[in-house]
Amino acid sequence: MVSSLTTALNEIRAIEQHITMVDDPVQYRVVNRAYSLPKNCRAGLPMDEARQALASHQARLGNMDKSRLDDEEKGIIDARRAVMQAAGRLYAARQSAVLGV
């Protein structure tokens, strides 16, 4: 659990850094160039560290949801997954706006 939590905290830091960059077109062009290969893009937007971290966190929550939890705990996990999915959509919208996609 400690290693999973450490990874999650590191990913949250990456998300925080990218959120500040995605609103600056000059800074984000650098990120866009760094993730320009087709395998690093989805729907025409770069799968930068923030989107990767959000996807990773959703997967981690999905794995937790499969474990032996009671209904209340599963409800909390489901709510957290919904928030992560919404965050991913909002981040992609910000990417789209700054890149003009």
N, C-alpha and C. Protein backbone atom coordinates (compact mmCIF):
# COMPACT_ATOMS: atom_id res chain seq x y z
N MET A 1 0.81 -1.20 0.00
CA MET A 1 0.00 0.00 0.00
C MET A 1 0.86 1.27 0.00
N VAL A 2 1.98 1.24 0.72
CA VAL A 2 2.83 2.43 0.81
C VAL A 2 3.34 2.82 -0.57
N SER A 3 3.78 1.84 -1.34
CA SER A 3 4.32 2.15 -2.67
C SER A 3 3.22 2.67 -3.58
N SER A 4 2.02 2.12 -3.49
CA SER A 4 0.91 2.60 -4.30
C SER A 4 0.53 4.02 -3.92
N LEU A 5 0.53 4.32 -2.65
CA LEU A 5 0.21 5.66 -2.18
C LEU A 5 1.29 6.65 -2.61
N THR A 6 2.54 6.25 -2.52
CA THR A 6 3.65 7.11 -2.96
C THR A 6 3.52 7.43 -4.43
N THR A 7 3.21 6.42 -5.24
CA THR A 7 3.01 6.63 -6.67
C THR A 7 1.86 7.59 -6.92
N ALA A 8 0.77 7.40 -6.22
CA ALA A 8 -0.40 8.28 -6.38
C ALA A 8 -0.06 9.73 -6.02
N LEU A 9 0.69 9.94 -4.96
CA LEU A 9 1.08 11.30 -4.56
C LEU A 9 2.01 11.93 -5.59
N ASN A 10 2.94 11.15 -6.14
CA ASN A 10 3.82 11.66 -7.20
C ASN A 10 3.01 12.03 -8.44
N GLU A 11 2.02 11.22 -8.77
CA GLU A 11 1.18 11.52 -9.92
C GLU A 11 0.37 12.78 -9.70
N ILE A 12 -0.11 13.00 -8.49
CA ILE A 12 -0.86 14.21 -8.18
C ILE A 12 0.03 15.44 -8.36
N ARG A 13 1.29 15.34 -7.99
CA ARG A 13 2.23 16.45 -8.20
C ARG A 13 2.39 16.74 -9.69
N ALA A 14 2.49 15.69 -10.50
CA ALA A 14 2.62 15.86 -11.95
C ALA A 14 1.38 16.54 -12.52
N ILE A 15 0.21 16.14 -12.03
CA ILE A 15 -1.03 16.75 -12.49
C ILE A 15 -1.03 18.24 -12.14
N GLU A 16 -0.63 18.57 -10.92
CA GLU A 16 -0.60 19.97 -10.49
C GLU A 16 0.33 20.79 -11.38
N GLN A 17 1.50 20.25 -11.72
CA GLN A 17 2.43 20.97 -12.58
C GLN A 17 1.86 21.20 -13.97
N HIS A 18 1.22 20.18 -14.52
CA HIS A 18 0.68 20.30 -15.87
C HIS A 18 -0.54 21.21 -15.92
N ILE A 19 -1.30 21.28 -14.85
CA ILE A 19 -2.46 22.18 -14.84
C ILE A 19 -2.00 23.62 -14.99
N THR A 20 -0.89 23.98 -14.39
CA THR A 20 -0.39 25.34 -14.54
C THR A 20 0.14 25.59 -15.95
N MET A 21 0.70 24.55 -16.58
CA MET A 21 1.25 24.70 -17.93
C MET A 21 0.17 24.72 -19.01
N VAL A 22 -0.91 23.97 -18.83
CA VAL A 22 -1.90 23.81 -19.89
C VAL A 22 -2.62 25.12 -20.19
N ASP A 23 -2.62 26.06 -19.30
CA ASP A 23 -3.26 27.35 -19.56
C ASP A 23 -2.35 28.35 -20.25
N ASP A 24 -1.07 28.02 -20.39
CA ASP A 24 -0.12 28.91 -21.04
C ASP A 24 0.25 28.32 -22.41
N PRO A 25 -0.25 28.92 -23.49
CA PRO A 25 -0.01 28.34 -24.83
C PRO A 25 1.47 28.18 -25.16
N VAL A 26 2.30 29.10 -24.72
CA VAL A 26 3.73 29.01 -25.03
C VAL A 26 4.35 27.80 -24.33
N GLN A 27 4.08 27.65 -23.05
CA GLN A 27 4.62 26.51 -22.31
C GLN A 27 4.05 25.20 -22.82
N TYR A 28 2.76 25.18 -23.13
CA TYR A 28 2.14 23.91 -23.50
C TYR A 28 2.54 23.45 -24.90
N ARG A 29 2.98 24.37 -25.76
CA ARG A 29 3.48 23.94 -27.07
C ARG A 29 4.69 23.02 -26.91
N VAL A 30 5.50 23.28 -25.91
CA VAL A 30 6.66 22.43 -25.64
C VAL A 30 6.19 21.03 -25.26
N VAL A 31 5.20 20.94 -24.40
CA VAL A 31 4.66 19.64 -24.00
C VAL A 31 4.05 18.94 -25.21
N ASN A 32 3.32 19.68 -26.03
CA ASN A 32 2.69 19.11 -27.21
C ASN A 32 3.74 18.52 -28.15
N ARG A 33 4.85 19.22 -28.33
CA ARG A 33 5.93 18.69 -29.18
C ARG A 33 6.58 17.46 -28.56
N ALA A 34 6.69 17.43 -27.25
CA ALA A 34 7.32 16.29 -26.59
C ALA A 34 6.47 15.02 -26.71
N TYR A 35 5.17 15.17 -26.86
CA TYR A 35 4.26 14.03 -26.97
C TYR A 35 3.62 13.98 -28.36
N SER A 36 4.41 14.24 -29.39
CA SER A 36 3.87 14.39 -30.74
C SER A 36 3.68 13.07 -31.50
N LEU A 37 4.31 11.99 -31.07
CA LEU A 37 4.15 10.72 -31.77
C LEU A 37 2.71 10.22 -31.64
N PRO A 38 2.20 9.56 -32.68
CA PRO A 38 0.80 9.07 -32.62
C PRO A 38 0.50 8.19 -31.42
N LYS A 39 1.48 7.40 -30.97
CA LYS A 39 1.23 6.53 -29.82
C LYS A 39 1.09 7.32 -28.52
N ASN A 40 1.52 8.58 -28.55
CA ASN A 40 1.44 9.44 -27.36
C ASN A 40 0.25 10.40 -27.40
N CYS A 41 -0.65 10.20 -28.36
CA CYS A 41 -1.81 11.08 -28.51
C CYS A 41 -3.09 10.26 -28.49
N ARG A 42 -4.12 10.85 -27.98
CA ARG A 42 -5.47 10.27 -28.05
C ARG A 42 -6.42 11.40 -28.42
N ALA A 43 -7.22 11.16 -29.42
CA ALA A 43 -8.19 12.14 -29.92
C ALA A 43 -7.50 13.45 -30.31
N GLY A 44 -6.29 13.34 -30.83
CA GLY A 44 -5.55 14.52 -31.27
C GLY A 44 -4.91 15.33 -30.16
N LEU A 45 -4.99 14.84 -28.93
CA LEU A 45 -4.41 15.55 -27.80
C LEU A 45 -3.30 14.72 -27.18
N PRO A 46 -2.24 15.37 -26.72
CA PRO A 46 -1.13 14.61 -26.13
C PRO A 46 -1.53 13.91 -24.83
N MET A 47 -1.06 12.69 -24.69
CA MET A 47 -1.24 11.95 -23.44
C MET A 47 -0.06 12.31 -22.53
N ASP A 48 -0.06 13.56 -22.08
CA ASP A 48 1.03 14.03 -21.24
C ASP A 48 0.97 13.37 -19.87
N GLU A 49 1.89 13.74 -19.01
CA GLU A 49 1.96 13.10 -17.70
C GLU A 49 0.68 13.28 -16.88
N ALA A 50 0.02 14.40 -17.04
CA ALA A 50 -1.21 14.62 -16.28
C ALA A 50 -2.29 13.64 -16.71
N ARG A 51 -2.50 13.50 -18.02
CA ARG A 51 -3.53 12.55 -18.49
C ARG A 51 -3.15 11.12 -18.16
N GLN A 52 -1.85 10.80 -18.23
CA GLN A 52 -1.41 9.46 -17.85
C GLN A 52 -1.67 9.21 -16.37
N ALA A 53 -1.39 10.21 -15.55
CA ALA A 53 -1.60 10.07 -14.10
C ALA A 53 -3.08 9.92 -13.77
N LEU A 54 -3.93 10.69 -14.45
CA LEU A 54 -5.37 10.58 -14.22
C LEU A 54 -5.86 9.18 -14.61
N ALA A 55 -5.38 8.68 -15.75
CA ALA A 55 -5.77 7.33 -16.18
C ALA A 55 -5.26 6.28 -15.21
N SER A 56 -4.05 6.46 -14.73
CA SER A 56 -3.46 5.51 -13.78
C SER A 56 -4.26 5.50 -12.48
N HIS A 57 -4.65 6.67 -12.03
CA HIS A 57 -5.42 6.75 -10.78
C HIS A 57 -6.79 6.10 -10.95
N GLN A 58 -7.41 6.30 -12.12
CA GLN A 58 -8.70 5.65 -12.38
C GLN A 58 -8.54 4.13 -12.37
N ALA A 59 -7.45 3.64 -12.97
CA ALA A 59 -7.20 2.20 -12.97
C ALA A 59 -6.98 1.68 -11.55
N ARG A 60 -6.24 2.45 -10.75
CA ARG A 60 -5.99 2.05 -9.36
C ARG A 60 -7.30 1.97 -8.58
N LEU A 61 -8.17 2.95 -8.81
CA LEU A 61 -9.47 2.94 -8.14
C LEU A 61 -10.33 1.78 -8.64
N GLY A 62 -10.22 1.47 -9.93
CA GLY A 62 -10.94 0.32 -10.48
C GLY A 62 -10.50 -0.98 -9.84
N ASN A 63 -9.20 -1.11 -9.61
CA ASN A 63 -8.68 -2.31 -8.94
C ASN A 63 -9.15 -2.37 -7.49
N MET A 64 -9.21 -1.22 -6.83
CA MET A 64 -9.70 -1.21 -5.46
C MET A 64 -11.16 -1.61 -5.41
N ASP A 65 -11.92 -1.21 -6.42
CA ASP A 65 -13.34 -1.51 -6.47
C ASP A 65 -13.60 -3.01 -6.60
N LYS A 66 -12.63 -3.73 -7.14
CA LYS A 66 -12.77 -5.18 -7.31
C LYS A 66 -12.47 -5.95 -6.03
N SER A 67 -11.84 -5.28 -5.08
CA SER A 67 -11.48 -5.97 -3.84
C SER A 67 -12.70 -6.14 -2.96
N ARG A 68 -12.51 -6.78 -1.86
CA ARG A 68 -13.61 -7.07 -0.93
C ARG A 68 -13.91 -5.85 -0.07
N LEU A 69 -14.78 -5.04 -0.56
CA LEU A 69 -15.20 -3.86 0.18
C LEU A 69 -16.69 -3.95 0.45
N ASP A 70 -17.11 -3.24 1.49
CA ASP A 70 -18.56 -3.21 1.71
C ASP A 70 -19.19 -2.17 0.78
N ASP A 71 -20.49 -2.09 0.78
CA ASP A 71 -21.20 -1.21 -0.16
C ASP A 71 -20.84 0.26 0.02
N GLU A 72 -20.66 0.67 1.26
CA GLU A 72 -20.32 2.07 1.53
C GLU A 72 -18.95 2.41 0.95
N GLU A 73 -17.96 1.53 1.16
CA GLU A 73 -16.62 1.76 0.61
C GLU A 73 -16.65 1.75 -0.92
N LYS A 74 -17.40 0.84 -1.51
CA LYS A 74 -17.52 0.81 -2.97
C LYS A 74 -18.14 2.09 -3.50
N GLY A 75 -19.10 2.64 -2.77
CA GLY A 75 -19.72 3.90 -3.16
C GLY A 75 -18.71 5.04 -3.17
N ILE A 76 -17.83 5.05 -2.17
CA ILE A 76 -16.78 6.07 -2.10
C ILE A 76 -15.83 5.92 -3.28
N ILE A 77 -15.42 4.69 -3.57
CA ILE A 77 -14.51 4.43 -4.70
C ILE A 77 -15.18 4.87 -6.00
N ASP A 78 -16.45 4.53 -6.18
CA ASP A 78 -17.17 4.92 -7.39
C ASP A 78 -17.24 6.44 -7.54
N ALA A 79 -17.45 7.14 -6.43
CA ALA A 79 -17.49 8.60 -6.46
C ALA A 79 -16.12 9.17 -6.84
N ARG A 80 -15.07 8.60 -6.28
CA ARG A 80 -13.72 9.05 -6.61
C ARG A 80 -13.41 8.80 -8.08
N ARG A 81 -13.82 7.64 -8.61
CA ARG A 81 -13.60 7.35 -10.03
C ARG A 81 -14.35 8.35 -10.91
N ALA A 82 -15.56 8.69 -10.53
CA ALA A 82 -16.34 9.66 -11.30
C ALA A 82 -15.64 11.03 -11.31
N VAL A 83 -15.08 11.41 -10.17
CA VAL A 83 -14.35 12.68 -10.09
C VAL A 83 -13.11 12.64 -10.99
N MET A 84 -12.39 11.52 -10.99
CA MET A 84 -11.20 11.40 -11.83
C MET A 84 -11.57 11.43 -13.32
N GLN A 85 -12.69 10.81 -13.68
CA GLN A 85 -13.14 10.85 -15.07
C GLN A 85 -13.52 12.27 -15.47
N ALA A 86 -14.20 12.98 -14.60
CA ALA A 86 -14.56 14.37 -14.88
C ALA A 86 -13.30 15.23 -15.00
N ALA A 87 -12.33 15.00 -14.12
CA ALA A 87 -11.08 15.75 -14.17
C ALA A 87 -10.37 15.49 -15.50
N GLY A 88 -10.38 14.25 -15.96
CA GLY A 88 -9.76 13.91 -17.25
C GLY A 88 -10.44 14.64 -18.40
N ARG A 89 -11.77 14.68 -18.38
CA ARG A 89 -12.50 15.39 -19.44
C ARG A 89 -12.21 16.89 -19.40
N LEU A 90 -12.19 17.47 -18.20
CA LEU A 90 -11.90 18.91 -18.07
C LEU A 90 -10.48 19.22 -18.53
N TYR A 91 -9.54 18.37 -18.17
CA TYR A 91 -8.15 18.59 -18.58
C TYR A 91 -8.04 18.50 -20.11
N ALA A 92 -8.69 17.52 -20.71
CA ALA A 92 -8.66 17.38 -22.17
C ALA A 92 -9.29 18.60 -22.83
N ALA A 93 -10.33 19.16 -22.24
CA ALA A 93 -10.95 20.36 -22.78
C ALA A 93 -9.99 21.54 -22.72
N ARG A 94 -9.23 21.64 -21.63
CA ARG A 94 -8.24 22.71 -21.52
C ARG A 94 -7.13 22.52 -22.55
N GLN A 95 -6.71 21.25 -22.74
CA GLN A 95 -5.70 20.98 -23.77
C GLN A 95 -6.23 21.41 -25.14
N SER A 96 -7.45 21.02 -25.43
CA SER A 96 -8.06 21.33 -26.71
C SER A 96 -8.12 22.84 -26.95
N ALA A 97 -8.49 23.56 -25.90
CA ALA A 97 -8.60 25.02 -26.01
C ALA A 97 -7.23 25.66 -26.28
N VAL A 98 -6.22 25.23 -25.57
CA VAL A 98 -4.91 25.85 -25.72
C VAL A 98 -4.24 25.45 -27.04
N LEU A 99 -4.52 24.26 -27.54
CA LEU A 99 -3.92 23.79 -28.79
C LEU A 99 -4.78 24.11 -30.00
N GLY A 100 -6.01 24.54 -29.77
CA GLY A 100 -6.89 24.88 -30.88
C GLY A 100 -7.38 23.65 -31.64
N VAL A 101 -7.52 22.53 -30.95
CA VAL A 101 -7.98 21.30 -31.59
C VAL A 101 -9.48 21.21 -31.51
